[in-house]
Amino acid sequence: MLHQPRDFLLTALITAGLLSFVTIPVAGALSDRYGRKRIYLIGSVLTGIFGFIYFAMLDTMVPAWIFIGIILSFIPHDLMYGPQAALIAECFTPRLRYSGASIGYQLASVTAGGPAPLIATALLKEYGSGYAIAGYIAFCGVVSVVATLLLPDYTGRDISQEHV
């Protein structure tokens, strides 16, 4: 069995990563069938909710529950990540698609992704509970839902032409 905590965590993360080899393409395929916005919204809502479930699983201090929590936490993420590139790219006309998607993606990683670990650390220090981090994750989920709802829906439409 696993003897050191880092082996436990590493094994959980590798297992979750292997699951993502399946769930990311499945999420992309679902977005092709049911619409990118719909699948992305489902992922956003599940991410916002699952933060609370995740920290409840961690708080049990039961290794099996922690292991399962880590693995399951990748599924809501993958539901967002699978359709994300196409969802973002569809928002731009063909002549701006590559630059627009790239600039938007990079700016989001700097403004939202970069500070997230610092914010989570500060919340944990201030409140002493993972539920504060779950609240932050839920807030980010709400922002994602609102932003996604404001995007046009191109499900079933030809995006190869310039549109205004």
Protein backbone atom coordinates (compact mmCIF):
# COMPACT_ATOMS: atom_id res chain seq x y z
CA MET A 1 0.00 0.00 0.00
CA LEU A 2 1.02 3.64 -0.14
CA HIS A 3 3.34 4.52 2.70
CA GLN A 4 3.90 8.23 2.29
CA PRO A 5 1.39 11.08 1.91
CA ARG A 6 3.03 12.32 -1.28
CA ASP A 7 2.59 8.85 -2.83
CA PHE A 8 -1.09 8.95 -1.89
CA LEU A 9 -1.59 12.39 -3.40
CA LEU A 10 0.46 11.57 -6.48
CA THR A 11 -1.51 8.38 -7.05
CA ALA A 12 -4.82 10.24 -6.68
CA LEU A 13 -3.74 12.95 -9.13
CA ILE A 14 -2.42 10.46 -11.67
CA THR A 15 -5.67 8.51 -11.44
CA ALA A 16 -7.69 11.70 -11.89
CA GLY A 17 -5.50 12.70 -14.84
CA LEU A 18 -6.09 9.32 -16.46
CA LEU A 19 -9.82 9.81 -15.98
CA SER A 20 -9.47 13.16 -17.77
CA PHE A 21 -8.16 11.33 -20.83
CA VAL A 22 -11.73 10.07 -21.14
CA THR A 23 -13.85 12.86 -19.67
CA ILE A 24 -12.35 15.78 -21.64
CA PRO A 25 -13.02 14.23 -25.07
CA VAL A 26 -16.44 13.07 -23.87
CA ALA A 27 -17.24 16.62 -22.75
CA GLY A 28 -16.12 17.92 -26.14
CA ALA A 29 -18.31 15.37 -27.91
CA LEU A 30 -21.26 16.26 -25.68
CA SER A 31 -20.74 19.91 -26.55
CA ASP A 32 -20.81 19.03 -30.25
CA ARG A 33 -24.12 17.28 -29.75
CA TYR A 34 -25.89 19.45 -27.15
CA GLY A 35 -24.17 22.81 -27.50
CA ARG A 36 -20.99 24.23 -26.09
CA LYS A 37 -22.72 26.74 -23.86
CA ARG A 38 -24.96 24.11 -22.31
CA ILE A 39 -22.13 21.72 -21.41
CA TYR A 40 -19.89 24.58 -20.23
CA LEU A 41 -22.73 25.90 -18.04
CA ILE A 42 -23.29 22.46 -16.55
CA GLY A 43 -19.57 22.26 -15.76
CA SER A 44 -19.61 25.75 -14.22
CA VAL A 45 -22.56 24.97 -11.96
CA LEU A 46 -21.10 21.61 -10.92
CA THR A 47 -17.73 23.23 -10.19
CA GLY A 48 -19.41 25.82 -7.96
CA ILE A 49 -21.30 23.14 -6.07
CA PHE A 50 -18.58 20.51 -5.93
CA GLY A 51 -16.17 22.73 -3.99
CA PHE A 52 -18.33 22.25 -0.91
CA ILE A 53 -18.61 18.51 -1.46
CA TYR A 54 -14.87 18.28 -2.04
CA PHE A 55 -13.93 19.97 1.23
CA ALA A 56 -16.53 17.87 3.09
CA MET A 57 -14.81 14.77 1.71
CA LEU A 58 -11.40 16.09 2.74
CA ASP A 59 -12.68 16.90 6.23
CA THR A 60 -13.62 13.25 6.79
CA MET A 61 -9.87 12.48 7.00
CA VAL A 62 -10.73 9.08 5.51
CA PRO A 63 -8.16 8.30 2.81
CA ALA A 64 -10.69 6.57 0.54
CA TRP A 65 -13.04 9.58 0.61
CA ILE A 66 -10.15 11.96 -0.01
CA PHE A 67 -8.97 9.83 -2.93
CA ILE A 68 -12.47 9.74 -4.43
CA GLY A 69 -12.91 13.48 -3.84
CA ILE A 70 -9.72 14.29 -5.72
CA ILE A 71 -10.73 12.08 -8.64
CA LEU A 72 -14.30 13.39 -8.81
CA SER A 73 -13.11 17.01 -8.66
CA PHE A 74 -11.69 16.66 -12.17
CA ILE A 75 -15.08 15.86 -13.76
CA PRO A 76 -16.70 19.32 -13.40
CA HIS A 77 -13.41 20.86 -14.56
CA ASP A 78 -13.33 18.57 -17.58
CA LEU A 79 -16.92 19.46 -18.48
CA MET A 80 -15.71 23.03 -18.81
CA TYR A 81 -12.33 22.28 -20.37
CA GLY A 82 -13.62 19.95 -23.09
CA PRO A 83 -15.77 22.54 -24.91
CA GLN A 84 -13.82 25.63 -23.79
CA ALA A 85 -11.54 26.10 -26.82
CA ALA A 86 -14.40 25.79 -29.31
CA LEU A 87 -16.72 27.92 -27.16
CA ILE A 88 -14.20 30.75 -27.03
CA ALA A 89 -13.17 30.45 -30.68
CA GLU A 90 -16.77 30.58 -31.89
CA CYS A 91 -17.15 34.05 -30.37
CA PHE A 92 -14.86 35.53 -33.02
CA THR A 93 -15.12 35.90 -36.77
CA PRO A 94 -12.70 33.73 -38.76
CA ARG A 95 -10.20 36.54 -39.37
CA LEU A 96 -10.00 37.34 -35.63
CA ARG A 97 -10.61 33.87 -34.21
CA TYR A 98 -7.04 32.83 -33.41
CA SER A 99 -5.94 36.17 -31.95
CA GLY A 100 -9.18 36.84 -30.11
CA ALA A 101 -9.32 33.43 -28.50
CA SER A 102 -5.62 33.54 -27.58
CA ILE A 103 -5.71 37.02 -26.06
CA GLY A 104 -8.86 36.25 -24.09
CA TYR A 105 -7.51 32.95 -22.82
CA GLN A 106 -4.15 34.44 -21.79
CA LEU A 107 -5.68 37.46 -20.05
CA ALA A 108 -8.05 35.20 -18.14
CA SER A 109 -5.18 33.05 -16.93
CA VAL A 110 -3.32 36.11 -15.66
CA THR A 111 -6.29 37.83 -14.00
CA ALA A 112 -8.19 34.80 -12.65
CA GLY A 113 -5.97 31.72 -12.74
CA GLY A 114 -2.76 33.27 -11.48
CA PRO A 115 -4.06 34.81 -8.25
CA ALA A 116 -6.35 31.85 -7.39
CA PRO A 117 -3.80 29.93 -5.26
CA LEU A 118 -2.87 33.12 -3.41
CA ILE A 119 -6.53 33.91 -2.76
CA ALA A 120 -7.20 30.34 -1.59
CA THR A 121 -4.21 30.47 0.75
CA ALA A 122 -5.34 33.81 2.19
CA LEU A 123 -8.89 32.51 2.70
CA LEU A 124 -7.63 29.39 4.46
CA LYS A 125 -5.37 31.47 6.70
CA GLU A 126 -8.13 33.96 7.52
CA TYR A 127 -11.00 31.52 8.09
CA GLY A 128 -9.19 28.27 8.86
CA SER A 129 -11.59 26.27 6.74
CA GLY A 130 -11.69 24.87 3.24
CA TYR A 131 -15.31 26.01 3.04
CA ALA A 132 -14.09 29.58 2.57
CA ILE A 133 -12.20 28.33 -0.49
CA ALA A 134 -15.35 26.50 -1.60
CA GLY A 135 -17.20 29.83 -1.36
CA TYR A 136 -14.56 31.41 -3.58
CA ILE A 137 -14.90 28.54 -6.06
CA ALA A 138 -18.69 29.00 -6.02
CA PHE A 139 -18.24 32.72 -6.67
CA CYS A 140 -15.99 31.92 -9.63
CA GLY A 141 -18.62 29.45 -10.84
CA VAL A 142 -21.26 32.20 -10.72
CA VAL A 143 -18.98 34.54 -12.69
CA SER A 144 -18.48 31.76 -15.26
CA VAL A 145 -22.22 31.15 -15.53
CA VAL A 146 -23.02 34.84 -16.02
CA ALA A 147 -20.23 35.33 -18.56
CA THR A 148 -21.25 32.21 -20.48
CA LEU A 149 -24.91 33.24 -20.56
CA LEU A 150 -23.83 36.53 -22.15
CA LEU A 151 -22.08 34.72 -25.00
CA PRO A 152 -23.93 34.10 -28.26
CA ASP A 153 -24.93 30.49 -28.90
CA TYR A 154 -23.59 29.12 -32.17
CA THR A 155 -24.95 25.59 -31.75
CA GLY A 156 -25.78 24.21 -35.18
CA ARG A 157 -24.75 27.41 -36.98
CA ASP A 158 -22.11 27.89 -39.65
CA ILE A 159 -19.24 29.89 -38.14
CA SER A 160 -17.03 29.85 -41.24
CA GLN A 161 -18.40 33.16 -42.50
CA GLU A 162 -17.69 36.64 -41.21
CA HIS A 163 -20.48 37.79 -38.92
CA VAL A 164 -21.15 41.12 -37.31
